[in-house]
């Protein structure tokens, strides 16, 4: 990664632990489609491609980061990897496509970070049996979110896991 980048890539330690946990949730070689939001350096995307995802879409707004991701994508000849230069929040609102796995690694101080889970579920981007993982700092807490299932912390890196939850039906009285 060029030294001029503003990105804070997920540490190798945290990434290794994340993918160990994810292996309990899904088999990436089983037709999985993935969305990497705030893709930064593309390190999560390349990990998803290397694990056999059918399709990986990376969303990155910064032109230098976007160009870097495209360079890596072409070097590894990943035909199942698409990069989109654009605003993540606009993509979420206009996405329309559903994914088996969504990963978001926004800047920890991003205004609106806490709204990302609500936006994803409101716009129906996650398949019914899919998994959404949000990387965030230690000051964010999502345990009370209705779709939250677990949180993992590796040093200063925190991952909150979410799944689509069926609304509880109220019994007839």
Foldseek 3Di string as FASTA:
>chain_A
DDPPFPDDDDDPVVVVVVVVVVVVQDQQQPQFEEEEEQCQQVPVVVVSVVSHHQAYEYEHADPVSQVNNVVVCVVVVRPRYHYDHDDRLVCLQVVLAAGQEYEYEDPQPDVCLLCVVVSNVVSVRYPQSHKYKYKHFPVDDCVPPPFWDDWDDDPRIIITMGHDDDDDDDDDD
